[in-house]
Amino acid sequence: MLTGKAVYTGDTGEQFEAARNAALGPALARLDAAAGDSVLVALAKHCLAIEPEARPADAGAVAQALKQWHAAQEERASKRSAAAGGSRWRWPRR
């Protein structure tokens, strides 16, 4: 999702061969070039690790990492709002 492309590209045979050989170079290069948040890029790379023991243990671990990232984003936004005077734009009531 961060790069807009699948991990392995090409026709089905090319994708199968790349997956069989764990040819992650192009996918990792696309992640490095992505404009995504560095924490999300690092998480994606962690999920793509060749060795299973180097990957997150399960989907719950990935969900927890995303939850922590989201909480950090909310905290930063809250701090920015407070630094800007704490005012938030709201729709006027009728």
C-alpha atoms as a PDB file:
ATOM      1  CA  MET A   1       0.000   0.000   0.000  1.00  0.00           C
ATOM      2  CA  LEU A   2       2.881   2.369   0.656  1.00  0.00           C
ATOM      3  CA  THR A   3       4.242   2.019  -2.857  1.00  0.00           C
ATOM      4  CA  GLY A   4       1.083   1.375  -4.851  1.00  0.00           C
ATOM      5  CA  LYS A   5       2.507  -1.882  -6.216  1.00  0.00           C
ATOM      6  CA  ALA A   6       2.574  -5.508  -5.201  1.00  0.00           C
ATOM      7  CA  VAL A   7       5.735  -6.891  -3.634  1.00  0.00           C
ATOM      8  CA  TYR A   8       6.444  -8.961  -6.739  1.00  0.00           C
ATOM      9  CA  THR A   9       5.540  -7.528 -10.143  1.00  0.00           C
ATOM     10  CA  GLY A  10       5.373  -8.936 -13.646  1.00  0.00           C
ATOM     11  CA  ASP A  11       3.348 -11.786 -15.029  1.00  0.00           C
ATOM     12  CA  THR A  12       2.395 -14.743 -12.856  1.00  0.00           C
ATOM     13  CA  GLY A  13       5.490 -16.737 -13.770  1.00  0.00           C
ATOM     14  CA  GLU A  14       7.790 -13.819 -12.999  1.00  0.00           C
ATOM     15  CA  GLN A  15       6.040 -13.206  -9.688  1.00  0.00           C
ATOM     16  CA  PHE A  16       6.323 -16.876  -8.719  1.00  0.00           C
ATOM     17  CA  GLU A  17      10.012 -16.970  -9.598  1.00  0.00           C
ATOM     18  CA  ALA A  18      10.748 -13.760  -7.693  1.00  0.00           C
ATOM     19  CA  ALA A  19       8.876 -15.057  -4.637  1.00  0.00           C
ATOM     20  CA  ARG A  20      10.624 -18.420  -4.806  1.00  0.00           C
ATOM     21  CA  ASN A  21      14.001 -16.665  -4.894  1.00  0.00           C
ATOM     22  CA  ALA A  22      12.981 -14.073  -2.281  1.00  0.00           C
ATOM     23  CA  ALA A  23      13.947 -11.335  -4.739  1.00  0.00           C
ATOM     24  CA  LEU A  24      12.925  -8.409  -2.568  1.00  0.00           C
ATOM     25  CA  GLY A  25      15.385  -5.869  -3.975  1.00  0.00           C
ATOM     26  CA  PRO A  26      12.883  -4.038  -6.188  1.00  0.00           C
ATOM     27  CA  ALA A  27      10.194  -4.007  -3.474  1.00  0.00           C
ATOM     28  CA  LEU A  28      12.636  -2.689  -0.867  1.00  0.00           C
ATOM     29  CA  ALA A  29      13.860  -0.030  -3.304  1.00  0.00           C
ATOM     30  CA  ARG A  30      10.251   1.075  -3.876  1.00  0.00           C
ATOM     31  CA  LEU A  31       9.763   1.293  -0.102  1.00  0.00           C
ATOM     32  CA  ASP A  32      12.925   3.354   0.258  1.00  0.00           C
ATOM     33  CA  ALA A  33      11.621   5.747  -2.408  1.00  0.00           C
ATOM     34  CA  ALA A  34       8.108   5.899  -0.934  1.00  0.00           C
ATOM     35  CA  ALA A  35       6.967   9.139   0.616  1.00  0.00           C
ATOM     36  CA  GLY A  36       5.425   7.221   3.504  1.00  0.00           C
ATOM     37  CA  ASP A  37       6.135   7.712   7.185  1.00  0.00           C
ATOM     38  CA  SER A  38       9.492   6.169   8.099  1.00  0.00           C
ATOM     39  CA  VAL A  39       7.914   4.081  10.876  1.00  0.00           C
ATOM     40  CA  LEU A  40       5.440   2.541   8.429  1.00  0.00           C
ATOM     41  CA  VAL A  41       8.204   1.884   5.892  1.00  0.00           C
ATOM     42  CA  ALA A  42      10.259   0.145   8.591  1.00  0.00           C
ATOM     43  CA  LEU A  43       7.240  -1.952   9.602  1.00  0.00           C
ATOM     44  CA  ALA A  44       6.624  -2.960   5.986  1.00  0.00           C
ATOM     45  CA  LYS A  45      10.271  -3.997   5.639  1.00  0.00           C
ATOM     46  CA  HIS A  46      10.005  -5.948   8.880  1.00  0.00           C
ATOM     47  CA  CYS A  47       6.978  -7.808   7.465  1.00  0.00           C
ATOM     48  CA  LEU A  48       8.929  -8.613   4.288  1.00  0.00           C
ATOM     49  CA  ALA A  49      11.919 -10.149   6.085  1.00  0.00           C
ATOM     50  CA  ILE A  50      13.091 -13.288   4.296  1.00  0.00           C
ATOM     51  CA  GLU A  51      13.573 -15.340   7.462  1.00  0.00           C
ATOM     52  CA  PRO A  52      10.252 -16.108   9.193  1.00  0.00           C
ATOM     53  CA  GLU A  53      11.723 -15.537  12.665  1.00  0.00           C
ATOM     54  CA  ALA A  54      12.733 -12.012  11.598  1.00  0.00           C
ATOM     55  CA  ARG A  55       9.105 -11.110  10.754  1.00  0.00           C
ATOM     56  CA  PRO A  56       6.415 -10.031  13.229  1.00  0.00           C
ATOM     57  CA  ALA A  57       5.058 -13.063  15.089  1.00  0.00           C
ATOM     58  CA  ASP A  58       1.514 -12.642  13.802  1.00  0.00           C
ATOM     59  CA  ALA A  59      -1.076 -10.158  12.569  1.00  0.00           C
ATOM     60  CA  GLY A  60      -1.697  -9.112  16.171  1.00  0.00           C
ATOM     61  CA  ALA A  61       1.899  -7.888  16.444  1.00  0.00           C
ATOM     62  CA  VAL A  62       1.469  -5.843  13.261  1.00  0.00           C
ATOM     63  CA  ALA A  63      -1.836  -4.451  14.540  1.00  0.00           C
ATOM     64  CA  GLN A  64      -0.169  -3.467  17.828  1.00  0.00           C
ATOM     65  CA  ALA A  65       2.645  -1.686  15.974  1.00  0.00           C
ATOM     66  CA  LEU A  66       0.080   0.207  13.880  1.00  0.00           C
ATOM     67  CA  LYS A  67      -1.884   1.101  16.999  1.00  0.00           C
ATOM     68  CA  GLN A  68       1.254   2.534  18.616  1.00  0.00           C
ATOM     69  CA  TRP A  69       2.085   4.468  15.451  1.00  0.00           C
ATOM     70  CA  HIS A  70      -1.448   5.885  15.322  1.00  0.00           C
ATOM     71  CA  ALA A  71      -1.332   6.928  18.987  1.00  0.00           C
ATOM     72  CA  ALA A  72       1.986   8.698  18.381  1.00  0.00           C
ATOM     73  CA  GLN A  73       0.463  10.526  15.395  1.00  0.00           C
ATOM     74  CA  GLU A  74      -2.474  11.678  17.497  1.00  0.00           C
ATOM     75  CA  GLU A  75      -0.151  12.858  20.275  1.00  0.00           C
ATOM     76  CA  ARG A  76       1.963  14.864  17.816  1.00  0.00           C
ATOM     77  CA  ALA A  77      -1.160  16.436  16.328  1.00  0.00           C
ATOM     78  CA  SER A  78      -2.393  17.342  19.785  1.00  0.00           C
ATOM     79  CA  LYS A  79       0.954  18.959  20.651  1.00  0.00           C
ATOM     80  CA  ARG A  80       0.929  20.931  17.388  1.00  0.00           C
ATOM     81  CA  SER A  81      -2.580  22.141  18.151  1.00  0.00           C
ATOM     82  CA  ALA A  82      -1.579  23.202  21.660  1.00  0.00           C
ATOM     83  CA  ALA A  83       1.509  25.000  20.324  1.00  0.00           C
ATOM     84  CA  ALA A  84      -0.693  26.884  17.872  1.00  0.00           C
ATOM     85  CA  GLY A  85      -2.845  28.238  20.657  1.00  0.00           C
ATOM     86  CA  GLY A  86      -5.053  25.222  21.074  1.00  0.00           C
ATOM     87  CA  SER A  87      -7.722  26.634  18.839  1.00  0.00           C
ATOM     88  CA  ARG A  88      -9.467  24.299  16.488  1.00  0.00           C
ATOM     89  CA  TRP A  89     -11.576  25.406  13.593  1.00  0.00           C
ATOM     90  CA  ARG A  90     -15.162  24.279  13.957  1.00  0.00           C
ATOM     91  CA  TRP A  91     -18.244  24.584  11.801  1.00  0.00           C
ATOM     92  CA  PRO A  92     -20.392  27.463  12.987  1.00  0.00           C
ATOM     93  CA  ARG A  93     -23.683  26.479  14.590  1.00  0.00           C
ATOM     94  CA  ARG A  94     -26.872  27.632  12.927  1.00  0.00           C
END
